[in-house]
Amino acid sequence: MAHNNARQASAMPSGELDHHLRDLKLAFIAEHYGDLATQAAGKQWSHVDYLGRLIEGEAHVRRDRATHNRLRQARFPVIKTLEQFRWDWPAQLNRLQVQHHFGLGFIKDKANLIYLGGVGLGKPQPGNYPCRTQRSTGANHHRP
């Protein structure tokens, strides 16, 4: 019992913790540490697992925010997603092959991807989609 009281007395008040998390701009952790602590206690996570979940969430939020900011700064007139791609035109398009390329494995292999076809078939269009795919797959073509 005395050990438990000593531990509670040494614990940082949540208001002070919230203040530090705001100062450090750790928004995800500030918002979720309490709920994740409850979940961690219920599922008996180790301290490292609990911390790992908090850091993972913070990293995802920052990555999403950075991607959003880059897209905004690029001033694309329209943001396109793979779901918006017209698969019905041209009819000869091999959908499975194109979707395979959006896994960006050719970048890891340090290979090039070239779309060949006649004029007016929309060959540049698939090139507008990989940055969304990259974010969802976690690929990073800027680093080796």
Protein backbone atom coordinates (compact mmCIF):
# COMPACT_ATOMS: atom_id res chain seq x y z
CA MET A 1 0.00 0.00 0.00
CA ALA A 2 2.82 2.43 0.88
CA HIS A 3 4.54 1.54 -2.40
CA ASN A 4 1.33 2.29 -4.31
CA ASN A 5 0.93 5.72 -2.62
CA ALA A 6 4.55 6.60 -3.37
CA ARG A 7 4.04 5.70 -7.02
CA GLN A 8 0.90 7.87 -7.24
CA ALA A 9 2.67 10.81 -5.57
CA SER A 10 5.52 10.65 -8.09
CA ALA A 11 3.22 10.42 -11.11
CA MET A 12 3.03 13.53 -13.28
CA PRO A 13 -0.36 15.26 -13.11
CA SER A 14 -2.25 14.80 -16.39
CA GLY A 15 -2.56 18.58 -16.86
CA GLU A 16 1.21 18.93 -16.81
CA LEU A 17 1.61 15.97 -19.16
CA ASP A 18 -0.94 17.48 -21.55
CA HIS A 19 0.97 20.77 -21.45
CA HIS A 20 4.27 19.04 -22.32
CA LEU A 21 2.66 17.05 -25.13
CA ARG A 22 1.20 20.26 -26.60
CA ASP A 23 4.59 22.00 -26.34
CA LEU A 24 6.22 19.08 -28.15
CA LYS A 25 3.41 19.07 -30.74
CA LEU A 26 2.52 15.43 -30.05
CA ALA A 27 -1.18 15.80 -30.84
CA PHE A 28 -1.98 12.12 -31.39
CA ILE A 29 -0.32 11.07 -28.15
CA ALA A 30 -2.05 13.88 -26.22
CA GLU A 31 -5.42 12.79 -27.54
CA HIS A 32 -5.02 9.03 -27.18
CA TYR A 33 -2.65 8.22 -24.31
CA GLY A 34 -5.45 7.78 -21.77
CA ASP A 35 -7.58 5.48 -23.91
CA LEU A 36 -4.57 3.45 -24.98
CA ALA A 37 -3.39 3.19 -21.35
CA THR A 38 -6.76 1.70 -20.40
CA GLN A 39 -6.58 -0.69 -23.36
CA ALA A 40 -2.97 -1.59 -22.51
CA ALA A 41 -3.89 -2.37 -18.90
CA GLY A 42 -6.84 -4.52 -19.99
CA LYS A 43 -4.80 -6.47 -22.52
CA GLN A 44 -1.65 -6.51 -20.35
CA TRP A 45 0.62 -4.86 -22.91
CA SER A 46 4.20 -4.22 -21.90
CA HIS A 47 5.30 -0.61 -21.45
CA VAL A 48 7.23 -0.87 -24.69
CA ASP A 49 4.15 -2.11 -26.59
CA TYR A 50 2.07 0.75 -25.18
CA LEU A 51 4.72 3.31 -26.09
CA GLY A 52 5.09 1.70 -29.52
CA ARG A 53 1.37 2.09 -30.23
CA LEU A 54 1.47 5.75 -29.22
CA ILE A 55 4.54 6.46 -31.38
CA GLU A 56 3.09 4.51 -34.31
CA GLY A 57 -0.10 6.58 -34.17
CA GLU A 58 1.87 9.83 -33.96
CA ALA A 59 4.01 8.78 -36.94
CA HIS A 60 0.91 8.00 -39.03
CA VAL A 61 -0.67 11.35 -38.21
CA ARG A 62 2.52 13.22 -39.11
CA ARG A 63 2.98 11.26 -42.34
CA ASP A 64 -0.62 11.97 -43.36
CA ARG A 65 -0.25 15.65 -42.49
CA ALA A 66 3.00 15.91 -44.46
CA THR A 67 1.40 14.25 -47.50
CA HIS A 68 -1.61 16.55 -47.27
CA ASN A 69 0.67 19.61 -47.03
CA ARG A 70 2.75 18.50 -50.01
CA LEU A 71 -0.37 17.95 -52.12
CA ARG A 72 -1.68 21.36 -51.09
CA GLN A 73 1.65 23.06 -51.88
CA ALA A 74 1.83 21.30 -55.27
CA ARG A 75 -1.42 23.09 -56.21
CA PHE A 76 -2.74 20.23 -58.28
CA PRO A 77 -5.91 21.36 -60.01
CA VAL A 78 -7.56 18.01 -59.20
CA ILE A 79 -6.48 15.26 -56.82
CA LYS A 80 -7.13 11.88 -58.41
CA THR A 81 -7.32 8.50 -56.77
CA LEU A 82 -6.99 5.04 -58.26
CA GLU A 83 -10.67 4.46 -57.51
CA GLN A 84 -11.53 7.32 -59.90
CA PHE A 85 -9.55 5.82 -62.80
CA ARG A 86 -11.72 4.94 -65.81
CA TRP A 87 -11.09 1.24 -66.29
CA ASP A 88 -13.64 0.98 -69.11
CA TRP A 89 -11.56 3.13 -71.48
CA PRO A 90 -9.43 2.17 -73.30
CA ALA A 91 -10.87 -1.32 -73.46
CA GLN A 92 -7.48 -2.96 -74.08
CA LEU A 93 -6.07 -1.80 -70.74
CA ASN A 94 -4.84 -4.66 -68.58
CA ARG A 95 -6.31 -3.64 -65.22
CA LEU A 96 -4.49 -6.26 -63.15
CA GLN A 97 -1.13 -5.28 -64.62
CA VAL A 98 -1.71 -1.57 -64.01
CA GLN A 99 -2.87 -2.21 -60.44
CA HIS A 100 0.23 -4.35 -59.88
CA HIS A 101 2.42 -1.41 -60.91
CA PHE A 102 0.70 0.78 -58.34
CA GLY A 103 2.33 -1.40 -55.68
CA LEU A 104 5.48 0.51 -56.74
CA GLY A 105 7.65 -2.61 -56.71
CA PHE A 106 9.46 -1.31 -59.80
CA ILE A 107 10.88 1.54 -57.69
CA LYS A 108 12.34 -0.88 -55.17
CA ASP A 109 13.83 -2.82 -58.09
CA LYS A 110 15.29 0.46 -59.45
CA ALA A 111 13.48 -0.14 -62.74
CA ASN A 112 11.58 2.18 -65.04
CA LEU A 113 7.92 1.96 -65.94
CA ILE A 114 6.92 3.13 -69.41
CA TYR A 115 3.36 3.24 -70.74
CA LEU A 116 3.17 2.83 -74.52
CA GLY A 117 0.15 3.47 -76.69
CA GLY A 118 -1.46 5.67 -79.29
CA VAL A 119 -2.26 9.35 -78.97
CA GLY A 120 -5.19 10.27 -76.74
CA LEU A 121 -5.31 7.12 -74.63
CA GLY A 122 -4.52 8.86 -71.34
CA LYS A 123 -1.06 7.39 -70.79
CA PRO A 124 0.00 10.23 -68.44
CA GLN A 125 -3.05 9.70 -66.23
CA PRO A 126 -1.74 6.72 -64.24
CA GLY A 127 1.34 8.79 -63.39
CA ASN A 128 -0.90 11.12 -61.39
CA TYR A 129 -1.99 8.36 -59.03
CA PRO A 130 1.10 6.78 -57.37
CA CYS A 131 1.59 9.37 -54.64
CA ARG A 132 -1.73 8.28 -53.10
CA THR A 133 -0.80 4.65 -53.55
CA GLN A 134 2.61 5.27 -52.03
CA ARG A 135 1.03 6.69 -48.90
CA SER A 136 -1.39 3.80 -48.48
CA THR A 137 1.26 1.13 -49.05
CA GLY A 138 3.90 2.89 -46.96
CA ALA A 139 6.33 2.91 -49.88
CA ASN A 140 8.90 5.66 -49.94
CA HIS A 141 10.48 6.30 -53.31
CA HIS A 142 12.68 9.13 -52.02
CA ARG A 143 14.96 6.94 -49.93
CA PRO A 144 16.98 3.87 -50.94
